Amino acid sequence: MGPPLADQTILTSAEEFAARKLRTVGVVGLYGVESRCAFKEHLESATVVAIHTSFLKYLRALFGASFGELSRNSEIHELERLMSLPDLRAN
């Protein structure tokens, strides 16, 4: 179940989707805490930015304030992990 929808949000039904001859162009998702996308066809950069921005807004609605904290914590964890790796360079 996703986040509650704002009053002005209107979902497109499957029937209307088909009637308007809409089609999917790809997927957007999370890889760790980074958003990633893969498109079936070339899209204008403004369209890609709009999709990315909308996805981030959805995540913020879904996770609330914890999204920023989750992101920061994962960055700190990754930096700590990198710093703990042994130095394999010859001195």
PDB file of N, CA and C in Angstrom:
ATOM      1  N   MET A   1       0.845  -1.181   0.000  1.00  0.00           N
ATOM      2  CA  MET A   1       0.000   0.000   0.000  1.00  0.00           C
ATOM      3  C   MET A   1       0.889   1.242   0.000  1.00  0.00           C
ATOM      4  N   GLY A   2       0.648   2.156  -0.898  1.00  0.00           N
ATOM      5  CA  GLY A   2       1.461   3.352  -1.024  1.00  0.00           C
ATOM      6  C   GLY A   2       1.025   4.439  -0.063  1.00  0.00           C
ATOM      7  N   PRO A   3       1.640   5.605  -0.200  1.00  0.00           N
ATOM      8  CA  PRO A   3       1.288   6.721   0.684  1.00  0.00           C
ATOM      9  C   PRO A   3      -0.100   7.236   0.360  1.00  0.00           C
ATOM     10  N   PRO A   4      -0.717   7.912   1.314  1.00  0.00           N
ATOM     11  CA  PRO A   4      -2.021   8.491   1.017  1.00  0.00           C
ATOM     12  C   PRO A   4      -1.889   9.508  -0.106  1.00  0.00           C
ATOM     13  N   LEU A   5      -2.871   9.535  -0.965  1.00  0.00           N
ATOM     14  CA  LEU A   5      -2.830  10.441  -2.110  1.00  0.00           C
ATOM     15  C   LEU A   5      -3.405  11.796  -1.727  1.00  0.00           C
ATOM     16  N   ALA A   6      -2.834  12.835  -2.306  1.00  0.00           N
ATOM     17  CA  ALA A   6      -3.361  14.186  -2.085  1.00  0.00           C
ATOM     18  C   ALA A   6      -4.727  14.281  -2.755  1.00  0.00           C
ATOM     19  N   ASP A   7      -5.544  15.202  -2.286  1.00  0.00           N
ATOM     20  CA  ASP A   7      -6.896  15.349  -2.826  1.00  0.00           C
ATOM     21  C   ASP A   7      -6.909  15.593  -4.323  1.00  0.00           C
ATOM     22  N   GLN A   8      -5.919  16.305  -4.841  1.00  0.00           N
ATOM     23  CA  GLN A   8      -5.912  16.658  -6.248  1.00  0.00           C
ATOM     24  C   GLN A   8      -5.340  15.548  -7.135  1.00  0.00           C
ATOM     25  N   THR A   9      -4.872  14.449  -6.533  1.00  0.00           N
ATOM     26  CA  THR A   9      -4.296  13.355  -7.298  1.00  0.00           C
ATOM     27  C   THR A   9      -5.399  12.535  -7.952  1.00  0.00           C
ATOM     28  N   ILE A  10      -5.258  12.306  -9.251  1.00  0.00           N
ATOM     29  CA  ILE A  10      -6.227  11.503  -9.986  1.00  0.00           C
ATOM     30  C   ILE A  10      -5.469  10.353 -10.629  1.00  0.00           C
ATOM     31  N   LEU A  11      -5.875   9.124 -10.309  1.00  0.00           N
ATOM     32  CA  LEU A  11      -5.234   7.955 -10.893  1.00  0.00           C
ATOM     33  C   LEU A  11      -5.931   7.577 -12.193  1.00  0.00           C
ATOM     34  N   THR A  12      -5.151   7.098 -13.140  1.00  0.00           N
ATOM     35  CA  THR A  12      -5.695   6.646 -14.416  1.00  0.00           C
ATOM     36  C   THR A  12      -6.010   5.164 -14.305  1.00  0.00           C
ATOM     37  N   SER A  13      -7.260   4.799 -14.579  1.00  0.00           N
ATOM     38  CA  SER A  13      -7.647   3.392 -14.516  1.00  0.00           C
ATOM     39  C   SER A  13      -7.019   2.639 -15.690  1.00  0.00           C
ATOM     40  N   ALA A  14      -6.962   1.325 -15.571  1.00  0.00           N
ATOM     41  CA  ALA A  14      -6.404   0.491 -16.644  1.00  0.00           C
ATOM     42  C   ALA A  14      -7.199   0.671 -17.937  1.00  0.00           C
ATOM     43  N   GLU A  15      -8.515   0.805 -17.810  1.00  0.00           N
ATOM     44  CA  GLU A  15      -9.365   0.983 -18.997  1.00  0.00           C
ATOM     45  C   GLU A  15      -9.066   2.308 -19.695  1.00  0.00           C
ATOM     46  N   GLU A  16      -8.954   3.378 -18.901  1.00  0.00           N
ATOM     47  CA  GLU A  16      -8.646   4.691 -19.483  1.00  0.00           C
ATOM     48  C   GLU A  16      -7.240   4.709 -20.071  1.00  0.00           C
ATOM     49  N   PHE A  17      -6.318   4.037 -19.395  1.00  0.00           N
ATOM     50  CA  PHE A  17      -4.940   3.925 -19.885  1.00  0.00           C
ATOM     51  C   PHE A  17      -4.943   3.329 -21.284  1.00  0.00           C
ATOM     52  N   ALA A  18      -5.669   2.234 -21.464  1.00  0.00           N
ATOM     53  CA  ALA A  18      -5.752   1.558 -22.770  1.00  0.00           C
ATOM     54  C   ALA A  18      -6.517   2.410 -23.781  1.00  0.00           C
ATOM     55  N   ALA A  19      -7.614   3.025 -23.353  1.00  0.00           N
ATOM     56  CA  ALA A  19      -8.424   3.839 -24.261  1.00  0.00           C
ATOM     57  C   ALA A  19      -7.648   5.046 -24.791  1.00  0.00           C
ATOM     58  N   ARG A  20      -6.776   5.609 -23.958  1.00  0.00           N
ATOM     59  CA  ARG A  20      -5.981   6.757 -24.383  1.00  0.00           C
ATOM     60  C   ARG A  20      -4.729   6.335 -25.141  1.00  0.00           C
ATOM     61  N   LYS A  21      -4.570   5.028 -25.338  1.00  0.00           N
ATOM     62  CA  LYS A  21      -3.425   4.455 -26.057  1.00  0.00           C
ATOM     63  C   LYS A  21      -2.092   4.861 -25.415  1.00  0.00           C
ATOM     64  N   LEU A  22      -2.107   4.881 -24.076  1.00  0.00           N
ATOM     65  CA  LEU A  22      -0.880   5.153 -23.341  1.00  0.00           C
ATOM     66  C   LEU A  22      -0.065   3.871 -23.296  1.00  0.00           C
ATOM     67  N   ARG A  23       1.236   3.994 -23.092  1.00  0.00           N
ATOM     68  CA  ARG A  23       2.096   2.825 -23.006  1.00  0.00           C
ATOM     69  C   ARG A  23       3.200   3.086 -21.993  1.00  0.00           C
ATOM     70  N   THR A  24       3.788   2.042 -21.498  1.00  0.00           N
ATOM     71  CA  THR A  24       4.902   2.204 -20.577  1.00  0.00           C
ATOM     72  C   THR A  24       6.157   2.522 -21.384  1.00  0.00           C
ATOM     73  N   VAL A  25       7.029   3.316 -20.794  1.00  0.00           N
ATOM     74  CA  VAL A  25       8.280   3.674 -21.476  1.00  0.00           C
ATOM     75  C   VAL A  25       9.497   3.173 -20.720  1.00  0.00           C
ATOM     76  N   GLY A  26       9.281   2.577 -19.550  1.00  0.00           N
ATOM     77  CA  GLY A  26      10.414   2.072 -18.783  1.00  0.00           C
ATOM     78  C   GLY A  26      10.054   1.917 -17.324  1.00  0.00           C
ATOM     79  N   VAL A  27      11.089   1.826 -16.516  1.00  0.00           N
ATOM     80  CA  VAL A  27      10.893   1.641 -15.075  1.00  0.00           C
ATOM     81  C   VAL A  27      11.746   2.625 -14.294  1.00  0.00           C
ATOM     82  N   VAL A  28      11.284   2.934 -13.102  1.00  0.00           N
ATOM     83  CA  VAL A  28      12.026   3.768 -12.159  1.00  0.00           C
ATOM     84  C   VAL A  28      11.990   3.038 -10.826  1.00  0.00           C
ATOM     85  N   GLY A  29      13.121   2.990 -10.140  1.00  0.00           N
ATOM     86  CA  GLY A  29      13.161   2.298  -8.865  1.00  0.00           C
ATOM     87  C   GLY A  29      14.349   2.719  -8.036  1.00  0.00           C
ATOM     88  N   LEU A  30      14.557   2.007  -6.951  1.00  0.00           N
ATOM     89  CA  LEU A  30      15.670   2.294  -6.056  1.00  0.00           C
ATOM     90  C   LEU A  30      16.718   1.205  -6.167  1.00  0.00           C
ATOM     91  N   TYR A  31      17.967   1.631  -6.157  1.00  0.00           N
ATOM     92  CA  TYR A  31      19.117   0.737  -6.073  1.00  0.00           C
ATOM     93  C   TYR A  31      19.876   1.217  -4.846  1.00  0.00           C
ATOM     94  N   GLY A  32      19.673   0.544  -3.723  1.00  0.00           N
ATOM     95  CA  GLY A  32      20.165   1.089  -2.454  1.00  0.00           C
ATOM     96  C   GLY A  32      19.318   2.297  -2.119  1.00  0.00           C
ATOM     97  N   VAL A  33      19.964   3.439  -1.958  1.00  0.00           N
ATOM     98  CA  VAL A  33      19.201   4.672  -1.713  1.00  0.00           C
ATOM     99  C   VAL A  33      19.223   5.591  -2.927  1.00  0.00           C
ATOM    100  N   GLU A  34      19.767   5.111  -4.024  1.00  0.00           N
ATOM    101  CA  GLU A  34      19.805   5.912  -5.253  1.00  0.00           C
ATOM    102  C   GLU A  34      18.650   5.528  -6.157  1.00  0.00           C
ATOM    103  N   SER A  35      18.053   6.534  -6.788  1.00  0.00           N
ATOM    104  CA  SER A  35      17.013   6.233  -7.768  1.00  0.00           C
ATOM    105  C   SER A  35      17.678   5.926  -9.101  1.00  0.00           C
ATOM    106  N   ARG A  36      17.154   4.936  -9.771  1.00  0.00           N
ATOM    107  CA  ARG A  36      17.659   4.524 -11.078  1.00  0.00           C
ATOM    108  C   ARG A  36      16.484   4.390 -12.034  1.00  0.00           C
ATOM    109  N   CYS A  37      16.766   4.543 -13.312  1.00  0.00           N
ATOM    110  CA  CYS A  37      15.715   4.372 -14.308  1.00  0.00           C
ATOM    111  C   CYS A  37      16.273   3.688 -15.546  1.00  0.00           C
ATOM    112  N   ALA A  38      15.392   3.012 -16.245  1.00  0.00           N
ATOM    113  CA  ALA A  38      15.743   2.366 -17.508  1.00  0.00           C
ATOM    114  C   ALA A  38      14.561   2.576 -18.445  1.00  0.00           C
ATOM    115  N   PHE A  39      14.817   3.185 -19.577  1.00  0.00           N
ATOM    116  CA  PHE A  39      13.751   3.493 -20.517  1.00  0.00           C
ATOM    117  C   PHE A  39      13.876   2.655 -21.784  1.00  0.00           C
ATOM    118  N   LYS A  40      12.739   2.311 -22.362  1.00  0.00           N
ATOM    119  CA  LYS A  40      12.694   1.507 -23.584  1.00  0.00           C
ATOM    120  C   LYS A  40      13.047   2.333 -24.817  1.00  0.00           C
ATOM    121  N   GLU A  41      12.893   3.632 -24.708  1.00  0.00           N
ATOM    122  CA  GLU A  41      13.120   4.509 -25.851  1.00  0.00           C
ATOM    123  C   GLU A  41      13.726   5.825 -25.379  1.00  0.00           C
ATOM    124  N   HIS A  42      14.249   6.586 -26.300  1.00  0.00           N
ATOM    125  CA  HIS A  42      14.841   7.882 -25.963  1.00  0.00           C
ATOM    126  C   HIS A  42      13.739   8.842 -25.514  1.00  0.00           C
ATOM    127  N   LEU A  43      14.002   9.534 -24.415  1.00  0.00           N
ATOM    128  CA  LEU A  43      13.088  10.559 -23.917  1.00  0.00           C
ATOM    129  C   LEU A  43      13.839  11.875 -23.834  1.00  0.00           C
ATOM    130  N   GLU A  44      13.124  12.957 -24.038  1.00  0.00           N
ATOM    131  CA  GLU A  44      13.722  14.279 -23.897  1.00  0.00           C
ATOM    132  C   GLU A  44      14.220  14.443 -22.462  1.00  0.00           C
ATOM    133  N   SER A  45      15.305  15.182 -22.295  1.00  0.00           N
ATOM    134  CA  SER A  45      15.878  15.333 -20.952  1.00  0.00           C
ATOM    135  C   SER A  45      14.892  15.969 -19.979  1.00  0.00           C
ATOM    136  N   ALA A  46      14.055  16.874 -20.449  1.00  0.00           N
ATOM    137  CA  ALA A  46      13.058  17.498 -19.565  1.00  0.00           C
ATOM    138  C   ALA A  46      12.065  16.451 -19.053  1.00  0.00           C
ATOM    139  N   THR A  47      11.733  15.474 -19.876  1.00  0.00           N
ATOM    140  CA  THR A  47      10.825  14.401 -19.479  1.00  0.00           C
ATOM    141  C   THR A  47      11.484  13.507 -18.432  1.00  0.00           C
ATOM    142  N   VAL A  48      12.751  13.179 -18.640  1.00  0.00           N
ATOM    143  CA  VAL A  48      13.486  12.350 -17.680  1.00  0.00           C
ATOM    144  C   VAL A  48      13.578  13.071 -16.333  1.00  0.00           C
ATOM    145  N   VAL A  49      13.865  14.357 -16.352  1.00  0.00           N
ATOM    146  CA  VAL A  49      13.948  15.145 -15.110  1.00  0.00           C
ATOM    147  C   VAL A  49      12.590  15.157 -14.409  1.00  0.00           C
ATOM    148  N   ALA A  50      11.509  15.319 -15.166  1.00  0.00           N
ATOM    149  CA  ALA A  50      10.168  15.341 -14.573  1.00  0.00           C
ATOM    150  C   ALA A  50       9.833  13.997 -13.934  1.00  0.00           C
ATOM    151  N   ILE A  51      10.197  12.896 -14.588  1.00  0.00           N
ATOM    152  CA  ILE A  51       9.949  11.565 -14.034  1.00  0.00           C
ATOM    153  C   ILE A  51      10.757  11.381 -12.760  1.00  0.00           C
ATOM    154  N   HIS A  52      12.027  11.766 -12.799  1.00  0.00           N
ATOM    155  CA  HIS A  52      12.905  11.620 -11.642  1.00  0.00           C
ATOM    156  C   HIS A  52      12.404  12.452 -10.467  1.00  0.00           C
ATOM    157  N   THR A  53      12.024  13.686 -10.724  1.00  0.00           N
ATOM    158  CA  THR A  53      11.520  14.582  -9.676  1.00  0.00           C
ATOM    159  C   THR A  53      10.240  14.030  -9.061  1.00  0.00           C
ATOM    160  N   SER A  54       9.348  13.527  -9.905  1.00  0.00           N
ATOM    161  CA  SER A  54       8.096  12.952  -9.406  1.00  0.00           C
ATOM    162  C   SER A  54       8.354  11.724  -8.548  1.00  0.00           C
ATOM    163  N   PHE A  55       9.315  10.899  -8.965  1.00  0.00           N
ATOM    164  CA  PHE A  55       9.652   9.705  -8.192  1.00  0.00           C
ATOM    165  C   PHE A  55      10.204  10.088  -6.821  1.00  0.00           C
ATOM    166  N   LEU A  56      11.073  11.091  -6.773  1.00  0.00           N
ATOM    167  CA  LEU A  56      11.625  11.534  -5.487  1.00  0.00           C
ATOM    168  C   LEU A  56      10.534  12.107  -4.586  1.00  0.00           C
ATOM    169  N   LYS A  57       9.581  12.837  -5.172  1.00  0.00           N
ATOM    170  CA  LYS A  57       8.456  13.361  -4.386  1.00  0.00           C
ATOM    171  C   LYS A  57       7.627  12.213  -3.821  1.00  0.00           C
ATOM    172  N   TYR A  58       7.437  11.168  -4.625  1.00  0.00           N
ATOM    173  CA  TYR A  58       6.697   9.995  -4.162  1.00  0.00           C
ATOM    174  C   TYR A  58       7.417   9.344  -2.985  1.00  0.00           C
ATOM    175  N   LEU A  59       8.742   9.204  -3.100  1.00  0.00           N
ATOM    176  CA  LEU A  59       9.516   8.593  -2.012  1.00  0.00           C
ATOM    177  C   LEU A  59       9.423   9.416  -0.742  1.00  0.00           C
ATOM    178  N   ARG A  60       9.482  10.731  -0.881  1.00  0.00           N
ATOM    179  CA  ARG A  60       9.377  11.593   0.308  1.00  0.00           C
ATOM    180  C   ARG A  60       8.002  11.456   0.954  1.00  0.00           C
ATOM    181  N   ALA A  61       6.969  11.317   0.132  1.00  0.00           N
ATOM    182  CA  ALA A  61       5.624  11.108   0.684  1.00  0.00           C
ATOM    183  C   ALA A  61       5.530   9.744   1.352  1.00  0.00           C
ATOM    184  N   LEU A  62       6.192   8.750   0.776  1.00  0.00           N
ATOM    185  CA  LEU A  62       6.152   7.390   1.297  1.00  0.00           C
ATOM    186  C   LEU A  62       6.933   7.255   2.603  1.00  0.00           C
ATOM    187  N   PHE A  63       8.156   7.816   2.626  1.00  0.00           N
ATOM    188  CA  PHE A  63       9.032   7.656   3.776  1.00  0.00           C
ATOM    189  C   PHE A  63       9.025   8.847   4.723  1.00  0.00           C
ATOM    190  N   GLY A  64       8.493   9.967   4.297  1.00  0.00           N
ATOM    191  CA  GLY A  64       8.459  11.157   5.131  1.00  0.00           C
ATOM    192  C   GLY A  64       9.859  11.673   5.407  1.00  0.00           C
ATOM    193  N   ALA A  65      10.056  12.231   6.573  1.00  0.00           N
ATOM    194  CA  ALA A  65      11.348  12.820   6.933  1.00  0.00           C
ATOM    195  C   ALA A  65      12.440  11.772   7.049  1.00  0.00           C
ATOM    196  N   SER A  66      12.061  10.513   7.230  1.00  0.00           N
ATOM    197  CA  SER A  66      13.066   9.469   7.397  1.00  0.00           C
ATOM    198  C   SER A  66      13.867   9.226   6.124  1.00  0.00           C
ATOM    199  N   PHE A  67      13.347   9.641   4.950  1.00  0.00           N
ATOM    200  CA  PHE A  67      14.068   9.415   3.696  1.00  0.00           C
ATOM    201  C   PHE A  67      15.409  10.138   3.692  1.00  0.00           C
ATOM    202  N   GLY A  68      15.417  11.397   4.101  1.00  0.00           N
ATOM    203  CA  GLY A  68      16.670  12.148   4.161  1.00  0.00           C
ATOM    204  C   GLY A  68      17.639  11.537   5.153  1.00  0.00           C
ATOM    205  N   GLU A  69      17.114  11.123   6.299  1.00  0.00           N
ATOM    206  CA  GLU A  69      17.953  10.500   7.319  1.00  0.00           C
ATOM    207  C   GLU A  69      18.489   9.153   6.827  1.00  0.00           C
ATOM    208  N   LEU A  70      17.639   8.372   6.179  1.00  0.00           N
ATOM    209  CA  LEU A  70      18.065   7.094   5.604  1.00  0.00           C
ATOM    210  C   LEU A  70      19.201   7.305   4.611  1.00  0.00           C
ATOM    211  N   SER A  71      19.035   8.307   3.759  1.00  0.00           N
ATOM    212  CA  SER A  71      20.035   8.613   2.740  1.00  0.00           C
ATOM    213  C   SER A  71      21.362   9.022   3.378  1.00  0.00           C
ATOM    214  N   ARG A  72      21.310   9.929   4.347  1.00  0.00           N
ATOM    215  CA  ARG A  72      22.523  10.384   5.036  1.00  0.00           C
ATOM    216  C   ARG A  72      23.217   9.228   5.741  1.00  0.00           C
ATOM    217  N   ASN A  73      22.432   8.415   6.444  1.00  0.00           N
ATOM    218  CA  ASN A  73      23.015   7.285   7.175  1.00  0.00           C
ATOM    219  C   ASN A  73      23.688   6.297   6.236  1.00  0.00           C
ATOM    220  N   SER A  74      23.097   6.058   5.085  1.00  0.00           N
ATOM    221  CA  SER A  74      23.707   5.103   4.153  1.00  0.00           C
ATOM    222  C   SER A  74      25.001   5.675   3.568  1.00  0.00           C
ATOM    223  N   GLU A  75      25.049   6.975   3.340  1.00  0.00           N
ATOM    224  CA  GLU A  75      26.282   7.598   2.839  1.00  0.00           C
ATOM    225  C   GLU A  75      27.392   7.492   3.881  1.00  0.00           C
ATOM    226  N   ILE A  76      27.064   7.756   5.132  1.00  0.00           N
ATOM    227  CA  ILE A  76      28.051   7.654   6.206  1.00  0.00           C
ATOM    228  C   ILE A  76      28.537   6.216   6.332  1.00  0.00           C
ATOM    229  N   HIS A  77      27.601   5.272   6.287  1.00  0.00           N
ATOM    230  CA  HIS A  77      27.966   3.858   6.383  1.00  0.00           C
ATOM    231  C   HIS A  77      28.912   3.462   5.249  1.00  0.00           C
ATOM    232  N   GLU A  78      28.611   3.906   4.033  1.00  0.00           N
ATOM    233  CA  GLU A  78      29.456   3.558   2.882  1.00  0.00           C
ATOM    234  C   GLU A  78      30.845   4.178   3.012  1.00  0.00           C
ATOM    235  N   LEU A  79      30.935   5.414   3.460  1.00  0.00           N
ATOM    236  CA  LEU A  79      32.241   6.047   3.662  1.00  0.00           C
ATOM    237  C   LEU A  79      33.044   5.329   4.741  1.00  0.00           C
ATOM    238  N   GLU A  80      32.385   4.952   5.827  1.00  0.00           N
ATOM    239  CA  GLU A  80      33.075   4.206   6.875  1.00  0.00           C
ATOM    240  C   GLU A  80      33.566   2.857   6.360  1.00  0.00           C
ATOM    241  N   ARG A  81      32.760   2.210   5.528  1.00  0.00           N
ATOM    242  CA  ARG A  81      33.157   0.926   4.955  1.00  0.00           C
ATOM    243  C   ARG A  81      34.381   1.090   4.062  1.00  0.00           C
ATOM    244  N   LEU A  82      34.380   2.138   3.235  1.00  0.00           N
ATOM    245  CA  LEU A  82      35.515   2.384   2.346  1.00  0.00           C
ATOM    246  C   LEU A  82      36.784   2.693   3.135  1.00  0.00           C
ATOM    247  N   MET A  83      36.649   3.471   4.203  1.00  0.00           N
ATOM    248  CA  MET A  83      37.813   3.833   5.004  1.00  0.00           C
ATOM    249  C   MET A  83      38.383   2.635   5.769  1.00  0.00           C
ATOM    250  N   SER A  84      37.582   1.625   6.006  1.00  0.00           N
ATOM    251  CA  SER A  84      38.053   0.455   6.745  1.00  0.00           C
ATOM    252  C   SER A  84      38.744  -0.569   5.850  1.00  0.00           C
ATOM    253  N   LEU A  85      38.702  -0.392   4.542  1.00  0.00           N
ATOM    254  CA  LEU A  85      39.362  -1.329   3.635  1.00  0.00           C
ATOM    255  C   LEU A  85      40.880  -1.230   3.794  1.00  0.00           C
ATOM    256  N   PRO A  86      41.580  -2.339   3.666  1.00  0.00           N
ATOM    257  CA  PRO A  86      43.047  -2.281   3.798  1.00  0.00           C
ATOM    258  C   PRO A  86      43.666  -1.551   2.606  1.00  0.00           C
ATOM    259  N   ASP A  87      44.771  -0.869   2.862  1.00  0.00           N
ATOM    260  CA  ASP A  87      45.507  -0.153   1.825  1.00  0.00           C
ATOM    261  C   ASP A  87      46.453  -1.158   1.171  1.00  0.00           C
ATOM    262  N   LEU A  88      46.182  -1.539  -0.072  1.00  0.00           N
ATOM    263  CA  LEU A  88      46.955  -2.559  -0.778  1.00  0.00           C
ATOM    264  C   LEU A  88      48.077  -1.976  -1.624  1.00  0.00           C
ATOM    265  N   ARG A  89      48.271  -0.658  -1.533  1.00  0.00           N
ATOM    266  CA  ARG A  89      49.340  -0.040  -2.322  1.00  0.00           C
ATOM    267  C   ARG A  89      50.712  -0.400  -1.749  1.00  0.00           C
ATOM    268  N   ALA A  90      51.663  -0.566  -2.652  1.00  0.00           N
ATOM    269  CA  ALA A  90      53.053  -0.807  -2.203  1.00  0.00           C
ATOM    270  C   ALA A  90      53.621   0.520  -1.728  1.00  0.00           C
ATOM    271  N   ASN A  91      54.292   0.515  -0.582  1.00  0.00           N
ATOM    272  CA  ASN A  91      54.864   1.764  -0.033  1.00  0.00           C
ATOM    273  C   ASN A  91      56.177   2.094  -0.650  1.00  0.00           C
TER     274      ASN A  91
END
